[in-house]
Amino acid sequence: MITKEKVLQALSTVPEPDLKGDLVSLNMIRDIEIEGKQVRFTVVLTTPACPLKEKIKSDCEAALRRDLGDDISIDIHMTAEVAPSAKAPLIQGVKNVIAIASGKGGVGKSTVTANLAVALAKAGARVGIVDADIFGPSIPTMFGVEGEHPPVQDIDGKQYIIPVQAHGVKVISMGFLAPEESAIVWRGPMASKALIQFFGDVYWDELDYLLVDLPPGTSDIHLTLVQAIPLSGAVVVTTPQKVALADAIKAIAMFRQPQIQVPILGLIENMAYFTPAELPENKYYIFGKDGGKMLAERFDIPFLGEVPLVQALREGGDAGTPIAIEEEHPVGKAFAEIASTLAQQLAVRNAQAEAATS
C-alpha cells in the first residue's frame, strides 16, 4: 500500500542542487494525495524561473518509481514561491529589490533591465521596474507606454500612484510625470526625493522582483538608493571593451564599500558580439571578446550571461516591444536563460541569509 510516509521517504532522496538539501527537509513538497496507485503532489520551487525545474520533476518521478514500483501513476504540479530578502522590507508586498547598474552610459543597461523584467514575468514571476534615471528616463519608450499618466488612487486612507503595466511588468518613471519635451533640471536632493517617492508612494501590490534601472555612474541617486532601500542585490551590466570594463569596476567597488555592502548577484555582458540577421551563425566581436566574463572571474562575481548585438534588439526597444517577448528568438532565449540564472543566484543568497540568521 502506498502511504504518505512512503512518498515522503522516497522524495527525501531528491536533492535541490542549489540549496544543498532535499526537497522534503526544505519543505518543497506539498499537498500529497494518494488514490490507490495514483500519487499527486506539488513541488514548490524558489522561483518560477528555476532553470532546474524539469530536472527536479524527473528526479521526483525516478525516486518514486524506484521505491514504489513502475506501475504507479504520478501527477506532479510544479509551482513557486519566491523567498523574500532577509533584509527588512521597506516596500510593503515587495519581496526583492534588485539594482541594475553600470559604470558608464551607452552599455545598454536600460535595454537589459527591460528585457530581464519581461523574461522574469514570462516565467511566471510578479515583476516591477523603477526607472531611477530621473534625468534621462527611457523605460517608458522601451515598453511602448510614452505619454501614459499613472492614476492616483486612495488605498487604506493614503493616496498612491498606480504604476503603468505593460507586457506583464509594472513600471514607474519620471517619463510619465514630466512633459516629454522638457528637461528636468534639478539638484541632487530633488532627484533623490523623487526616487524615494517611487518606492514609498507607488502602490506595487505584491511583487517577487522589483528591478531598479539606475542611471550611469556612481552619484547621489545610487547613494540614496542603497541608504534608503534594503537591496536584495545588484547586477552590473557592461560591454566587452576596455573603457566599459574600467567603469564597471567602479560600479562593483561602489556596491562593495564597507558602508554599503550590497551583494552583487552577477554581471551581464551586453553587445558581446554582432550577428547580422542574414548570417545568424556568424559572430563578429566588434567590441572585443569575453571582457565581461574575465571581469566576473577577476572579481569572483557570477557571470549571468552574454547578450549579442542584433538589429531586432534595437528595433524592439524603439517599438516598445522588448525582444524577450519572443521566446523563440535567439536573443529572447538568451534573456530567458539570464533571468533564470539571476533568479537562481538570488534564491541561493536568500536561503543562505535566512540560514545565517536562524
Protein backbone atom coordinates (compact mmCIF):
# COMPACT_ATOMS: atom_id res chain seq x y z
CA MET A 1 0.00 0.00 0.00
CA ILE A 2 1.26 3.47 -0.90
CA THR A 3 1.27 5.85 2.06
CA LYS A 4 2.16 9.50 2.52
CA GLU A 5 5.14 8.46 4.64
CA LYS A 6 6.50 6.24 1.85
CA VAL A 7 6.09 9.06 -0.68
CA LEU A 8 7.95 11.48 1.58
CA GLN A 9 10.66 8.92 2.25
CA ALA A 10 11.24 8.47 -1.48
CA LEU A 11 11.22 12.21 -2.18
CA SER A 12 13.62 12.87 0.68
CA THR A 13 16.34 11.40 -1.56
CA VAL A 14 15.76 14.07 -4.23
CA PRO A 15 18.19 16.97 -3.79
CA GLU A 16 17.69 20.65 -4.54
CA PRO A 17 21.12 21.28 -6.08
CA ASP A 18 21.36 24.98 -5.29
CA LEU A 19 20.05 24.97 -1.72
CA LYS A 20 22.10 21.91 -0.68
CA GLY A 21 19.24 19.96 0.86
CA ASP A 22 16.49 17.53 -0.10
CA LEU A 23 13.00 18.55 -1.21
CA VAL A 24 11.31 17.23 1.92
CA SER A 25 13.58 18.87 4.50
CA LEU A 26 13.37 22.12 2.55
CA ASN A 27 9.54 21.96 2.76
CA MET A 28 9.21 21.98 -1.01
CA ILE A 29 6.74 19.05 -1.16
CA ARG A 30 3.10 19.99 -0.52
CA ASP A 31 -0.45 18.66 -0.92
CA ILE A 32 0.24 14.94 -1.25
CA GLU A 33 -2.82 12.96 -2.39
CA ILE A 34 -2.94 9.20 -2.84
CA GLU A 35 -5.67 7.16 -4.55
CA GLY A 36 -4.71 3.54 -4.97
CA LYS A 37 -1.63 3.61 -7.17
CA GLN A 38 -2.06 7.24 -8.18
CA VAL A 39 0.16 9.80 -6.43
CA ARG A 40 -0.40 13.56 -6.74
CA PHE A 41 1.62 16.31 -5.08
CA THR A 42 3.03 19.80 -5.54
CA VAL A 43 6.68 20.82 -5.72
CA VAL A 44 7.16 24.44 -4.60
CA LEU A 45 10.28 25.91 -6.21
CA THR A 46 12.07 29.03 -5.00
CA THR A 47 11.40 30.91 -8.25
CA PRO A 48 9.15 30.36 -11.28
CA ALA A 49 12.25 30.99 -13.42
CA CYS A 50 14.07 27.99 -11.90
CA PRO A 51 16.40 26.52 -14.57
CA LEU A 52 16.31 23.12 -12.84
CA LYS A 53 12.52 22.72 -12.93
CA GLU A 54 12.42 19.80 -15.37
CA LYS A 55 15.35 18.01 -13.72
CA ILE A 56 13.74 18.22 -10.28
CA LYS A 57 10.46 16.92 -11.71
CA SER A 58 12.11 13.97 -13.45
CA ASP A 59 14.18 13.19 -10.33
CA CYS A 60 10.96 13.04 -8.28
CA GLU A 61 9.38 10.62 -10.75
CA ALA A 62 12.50 8.43 -10.78
CA ALA A 63 12.68 8.29 -6.96
CA LEU A 64 9.00 7.33 -6.63
CA ARG A 65 9.18 4.60 -9.28
CA ARG A 66 12.36 3.24 -7.70
CA ASP A 67 10.77 2.94 -4.24
CA LEU A 68 7.09 2.38 -5.05
CA GLY A 69 7.15 0.50 -8.39
CA ASP A 70 6.96 1.25 -12.10
CA ASP A 71 3.21 0.72 -12.26
CA ILE A 72 2.25 3.81 -10.26
CA SER A 73 0.68 6.92 -11.80
CA ILE A 74 2.41 10.17 -10.89
CA ASP A 75 0.95 13.68 -11.22
CA ILE A 76 3.34 16.44 -10.19
CA HIS A 77 2.26 20.09 -10.07
CA MET A 78 5.23 22.47 -10.28
CA THR A 79 4.75 25.89 -8.71
CA ALA A 80 6.92 28.52 -7.00
CA GLU A 81 7.07 30.82 -4.01
CA VAL A 82 9.78 33.46 -4.29
CA ALA A 83 11.54 33.88 -0.96
CA PRO A 84 11.81 37.44 0.33
CA SER A 85 15.12 39.09 1.07
CA ALA A 86 16.31 38.59 4.63
CA LYS A 87 16.64 42.37 4.93
CA ALA A 88 13.69 44.21 6.41
CA PRO A 89 11.42 45.24 3.52
CA LEU A 90 10.69 48.94 3.23
CA ILE A 91 8.14 48.47 0.47
CA GLN A 92 5.10 46.51 1.56
CA GLY A 93 4.43 43.49 -0.64
CA VAL A 94 7.76 43.63 -2.50
CA LYS A 95 9.93 40.60 -1.77
CA ASN A 96 13.16 41.54 -3.52
CA VAL A 97 14.64 44.80 -4.84
CA ILE A 98 17.45 44.39 -7.38
CA ALA A 99 19.57 47.30 -8.63
CA ILE A 100 20.68 47.15 -12.28
CA ALA A 101 23.81 49.30 -12.61
CA SER A 102 26.65 50.18 -14.93
CA GLY A 103 29.72 52.32 -14.50
CA LYS A 104 29.04 54.28 -17.69
CA GLY A 105 26.32 55.12 -20.17
CA GLY A 106 25.88 53.50 -23.55
CA VAL A 107 26.21 49.87 -22.48
CA GLY A 108 22.50 49.09 -22.89
CA LYS A 109 21.64 48.87 -19.21
CA SER A 110 18.03 50.00 -19.67
CA THR A 111 17.58 47.57 -22.56
CA VAL A 112 18.88 44.77 -20.35
CA THR A 113 16.61 45.84 -17.47
CA ALA A 114 13.51 45.91 -19.66
CA ASN A 115 14.18 42.51 -21.19
CA LEU A 116 15.15 40.92 -17.87
CA ALA A 117 11.87 42.10 -16.39
CA VAL A 118 9.85 40.71 -19.30
CA ALA A 119 11.73 37.39 -19.18
CA LEU A 120 11.03 37.03 -15.44
CA ALA A 121 7.36 37.92 -15.99
CA LYS A 122 7.02 35.37 -18.80
CA ALA A 123 8.41 32.74 -16.41
CA GLY A 124 5.53 33.49 -14.05
CA ALA A 125 7.06 35.98 -11.63
CA ARG A 126 5.41 39.22 -10.50
CA VAL A 127 7.78 41.98 -11.64
CA GLY A 128 8.08 45.75 -11.50
CA ILE A 129 10.59 48.36 -12.68
CA VAL A 130 11.58 51.65 -11.08
CA ASP A 131 13.17 53.86 -13.73
CA ALA A 132 15.66 55.61 -11.45
CA ASP A 133 17.26 57.59 -14.28
CA ILE A 134 15.41 60.75 -13.27
CA PHE A 135 17.10 62.97 -15.86
CA GLY A 136 17.01 60.60 -18.83
CA PRO A 137 14.16 58.11 -18.43
CA SER A 138 13.96 55.58 -21.26
CA ILE A 139 11.90 52.72 -19.81
CA PRO A 140 8.53 54.17 -20.99
CA THR A 141 9.79 54.12 -24.60
CA MET A 142 11.05 50.55 -24.30
CA PHE A 143 7.65 49.39 -23.03
CA GLY A 144 5.66 51.43 -25.55
CA VAL A 145 3.88 53.48 -22.89
CA GLU A 146 5.15 57.01 -23.57
CA GLY A 147 2.50 59.56 -22.80
CA GLU A 148 0.80 57.41 -20.16
CA HIS A 149 -0.27 59.17 -16.97
CA PRO A 150 -0.37 56.91 -13.88
CA PRO A 151 -3.60 57.43 -11.92
CA VAL A 152 -3.70 58.23 -8.22
CA GLN A 153 -5.87 56.04 -6.02
CA ASP A 154 -6.89 56.14 -2.37
CA ILE A 155 -5.83 52.87 -0.70
CA ASP A 156 -6.36 52.43 3.05
CA GLY A 157 -6.57 56.17 3.55
CA LYS A 158 -3.40 57.06 1.61
CA GLN A 159 -3.02 58.43 -1.89
CA TYR A 160 -0.91 56.10 -4.05
CA ILE A 161 0.36 56.36 -7.62
CA ILE A 162 -0.69 53.28 -9.60
CA PRO A 163 2.15 52.07 -11.84
CA VAL A 164 1.64 51.61 -15.57
CA GLN A 165 1.53 47.98 -16.67
CA ALA A 166 2.85 46.67 -19.99
CA HIS A 167 4.00 43.22 -21.14
CA GLY A 168 3.22 41.84 -17.67
CA VAL A 169 5.52 44.33 -15.90
CA LYS A 170 4.55 47.23 -13.61
CA VAL A 171 6.51 50.39 -14.41
CA ILE A 172 7.03 53.80 -12.83
CA SER A 173 9.21 56.52 -14.37
CA MET A 174 9.76 60.24 -14.34
CA GLY A 175 8.94 59.96 -18.03
CA PHE A 176 5.27 59.60 -17.01
CA LEU A 177 5.32 62.66 -14.77
CA ALA A 178 7.14 65.28 -16.85
CA PRO A 179 6.39 66.54 -20.38
CA GLU A 180 8.34 64.60 -22.99
CA GLU A 181 9.93 67.71 -24.49
CA SER A 182 11.02 69.27 -21.19
CA ALA A 183 14.37 68.87 -19.46
CA ILE A 184 14.43 68.04 -15.76
CA VAL A 185 16.90 70.49 -14.26
CA TRP A 186 17.09 69.52 -10.61
CA ARG A 187 19.77 69.46 -7.97
CA GLY A 188 20.71 66.10 -6.50
CA PRO A 189 18.46 66.28 -3.39
CA MET A 190 15.34 66.88 -5.52
CA ALA A 191 16.13 63.90 -7.74
CA SER A 192 16.79 61.75 -4.67
CA LYS A 193 13.47 62.77 -3.15
CA ALA A 194 11.66 61.82 -6.37
CA LEU A 195 13.33 58.42 -6.30
CA ILE A 196 12.19 57.74 -2.74
CA GLN A 197 8.62 58.62 -3.75
CA PHE A 198 8.78 55.96 -6.47
CA PHE A 199 9.13 53.39 -3.71
CA GLY A 200 7.00 54.77 -0.88
CA ASP A 201 4.19 56.48 -2.80
CA VAL A 202 3.63 53.91 -5.55
CA TYR A 203 1.23 51.02 -4.95
CA TRP A 204 3.20 47.97 -6.09
CA ASP A 205 0.79 45.47 -4.52
CA GLU A 206 2.59 42.08 -4.49
CA LEU A 207 5.89 41.70 -6.38
CA ASP A 208 8.51 38.97 -6.44
CA TYR A 209 11.14 41.21 -8.04
CA LEU A 210 11.38 44.99 -8.31
CA LEU A 211 14.19 45.97 -10.69
CA VAL A 212 15.73 49.43 -10.31
CA ASP A 213 17.19 50.81 -13.55
CA LEU A 214 19.91 53.10 -12.19
CA PRO A 215 21.49 55.99 -14.11
CA PRO A 216 25.11 55.58 -15.25
CA GLY A 217 27.97 56.22 -12.86
CA THR A 218 28.02 56.45 -9.06
CA SER A 219 26.08 59.53 -7.99
CA ASP A 220 23.56 60.91 -5.48
CA ILE A 221 20.86 58.60 -6.86
CA HIS A 222 22.94 55.50 -6.16
CA LEU A 223 23.81 56.63 -2.64
CA THR A 224 20.17 57.48 -1.90
CA LEU A 225 19.04 54.07 -3.11
CA VAL A 226 21.49 52.00 -1.06
CA GLN A 227 20.90 54.09 2.07
CA ALA A 228 17.10 54.15 1.89
CA ILE A 229 16.13 50.80 0.35
CA PRO A 230 17.20 47.37 1.64
CA LEU A 231 18.51 45.96 -1.63
CA SER A 232 18.48 42.20 -2.18
CA GLY A 233 21.41 42.57 -4.55
CA ALA A 234 22.79 44.29 -7.62
CA VAL A 235 23.52 43.34 -11.22
CA VAL A 236 26.29 45.06 -13.19
CA VAL A 237 25.94 45.47 -16.97
CA THR A 238 28.97 46.05 -19.18
CA THR A 239 30.16 45.66 -22.73
CA PRO A 240 33.39 43.79 -23.56
CA GLN A 241 35.67 46.71 -24.41
CA LYS A 242 38.29 48.08 -22.04
CA VAL A 243 36.73 51.52 -21.46
CA ALA A 244 33.43 49.96 -20.36
CA LEU A 245 35.15 47.41 -18.13
CA ALA A 246 37.12 50.14 -16.37
CA ASP A 247 33.88 51.86 -15.37
CA ALA A 248 32.17 48.57 -14.48
CA ILE A 249 34.94 48.05 -11.92
CA LYS A 250 33.90 51.34 -10.28
CA ALA A 251 30.30 50.14 -10.05
CA ILE A 252 31.46 46.90 -8.44
CA ALA A 253 33.63 48.84 -5.99
CA MET A 254 30.69 51.08 -5.04
CA PHE A 255 28.47 48.17 -4.01
CA ARG A 256 31.34 46.57 -2.10
CA GLN A 257 32.17 49.62 0.01
CA PRO A 258 32.02 48.80 3.75
CA GLN A 259 29.21 51.30 4.40
CA ILE A 260 27.13 49.90 1.51
CA GLN A 261 27.76 46.13 1.29
CA VAL A 262 25.19 45.19 -1.35
CA PRO A 263 25.75 41.66 -2.70
CA ILE A 264 26.49 41.56 -6.42
CA LEU A 265 24.28 38.86 -7.91
CA GLY A 266 26.12 38.79 -11.19
CA LEU A 267 27.49 40.51 -14.27
CA ILE A 268 25.89 40.63 -17.72
CA GLU A 269 27.93 41.26 -20.86
CA ASN A 270 25.82 43.18 -23.37
CA MET A 271 26.77 43.62 -27.05
CA ALA A 272 29.01 40.57 -26.64
CA TYR A 273 29.20 40.11 -30.41
CA PHE A 274 27.39 41.26 -33.54
CA THR A 275 25.30 38.82 -35.55
CA PRO A 276 23.66 40.02 -38.80
CA ALA A 277 20.15 38.71 -39.45
CA GLU A 278 21.13 37.29 -42.85
CA LEU A 279 24.09 35.37 -41.32
CA PRO A 280 22.77 34.13 -37.97
CA GLU A 281 25.68 31.73 -37.41
CA ASN A 282 28.32 34.45 -37.76
CA LYS A 283 29.74 36.27 -34.74
CA TYR A 284 31.74 39.47 -35.05
CA TYR A 285 33.43 40.58 -31.82
CA ILE A 286 33.48 44.27 -32.65
CA PHE A 287 33.87 45.39 -29.02
CA GLY A 288 36.34 42.67 -28.02
CA LYS A 289 35.76 39.17 -26.72
CA ASP A 290 34.95 37.83 -23.23
CA GLY A 291 35.78 41.08 -21.44
CA GLY A 292 32.78 40.78 -19.12
CA LYS A 293 33.40 37.09 -18.46
CA MET A 294 37.03 37.75 -17.49
CA LEU A 295 35.99 40.67 -15.28
CA ALA A 296 33.49 38.44 -13.46
CA GLU A 297 36.21 35.86 -12.85
CA ARG A 298 38.65 38.52 -11.64
CA PHE A 299 36.24 39.84 -9.01
CA ASP A 300 34.67 36.45 -8.18
CA ILE A 301 31.22 37.52 -9.42
CA PRO A 302 28.74 35.14 -11.04
CA PHE A 303 28.66 35.59 -14.82
CA LEU A 304 24.96 35.66 -15.68
CA GLY A 305 25.39 35.50 -19.44
CA GLU A 306 26.02 37.43 -22.63
CA VAL A 307 23.64 39.26 -24.93
CA PRO A 308 24.51 39.61 -28.64
CA LEU A 309 24.11 42.83 -30.58
CA VAL A 310 21.39 42.29 -33.18
CA GLN A 311 19.18 44.71 -35.06
CA ALA A 312 15.98 43.16 -33.68
CA LEU A 313 17.04 44.05 -30.13
CA ARG A 314 17.27 47.74 -31.01
CA GLU A 315 14.07 47.64 -33.04
CA GLY A 316 12.17 46.05 -30.15
CA GLY A 317 13.33 48.77 -27.78
CA ASP A 318 12.29 51.54 -30.15
CA ALA A 319 8.92 49.91 -30.88
CA GLY A 320 8.11 49.30 -27.22
CA THR A 321 8.15 45.51 -27.56
CA PRO A 322 11.18 44.07 -25.72
CA ILE A 323 12.69 41.17 -27.62
CA ALA A 324 12.36 38.90 -24.56
CA ILE A 325 8.69 38.61 -25.54
CA GLU A 326 9.80 36.44 -28.47
CA GLU A 327 10.74 33.24 -26.66
CA GLU A 328 11.96 31.51 -29.82
CA HIS A 329 14.27 34.35 -30.89
CA PRO A 330 17.93 33.61 -30.00
CA VAL A 331 18.16 36.84 -28.01
CA GLY A 332 14.84 36.13 -26.32
CA LYS A 333 16.25 32.74 -25.30
CA ALA A 334 19.42 34.44 -24.03
CA PHE A 335 17.40 36.75 -21.77
CA ALA A 336 15.29 33.82 -20.52
CA GLU A 337 18.47 31.98 -19.51
CA ILE A 338 19.97 35.07 -17.87
CA ALA A 339 16.73 35.70 -15.95
CA SER A 340 16.73 32.08 -14.72
CA THR A 341 20.35 32.31 -13.59
CA LEU A 342 19.69 35.61 -11.82
CA ALA A 343 16.64 34.21 -10.01
CA GLN A 344 18.69 31.16 -9.06
CA GLN A 345 21.52 33.29 -7.62
CA LEU A 346 19.06 35.36 -5.60
CA ALA A 347 17.24 32.29 -4.24
CA VAL A 348 20.54 30.82 -3.04
CA ARG A 349 21.59 34.08 -1.38
CA ASN A 350 18.23 34.48 0.34
CA ALA A 351 18.39 30.90 1.62
CA GLN A 352 21.93 31.41 2.92
CA ALA A 353 20.97 34.67 4.63
CA GLU A 354 17.95 33.06 6.25
CA ALA A 355 20.05 30.15 7.50
CA ALA A 356 22.64 32.55 8.93
CA THR A 357 20.03 34.45 10.93
CA SER A 358 18.11 31.40 12.20
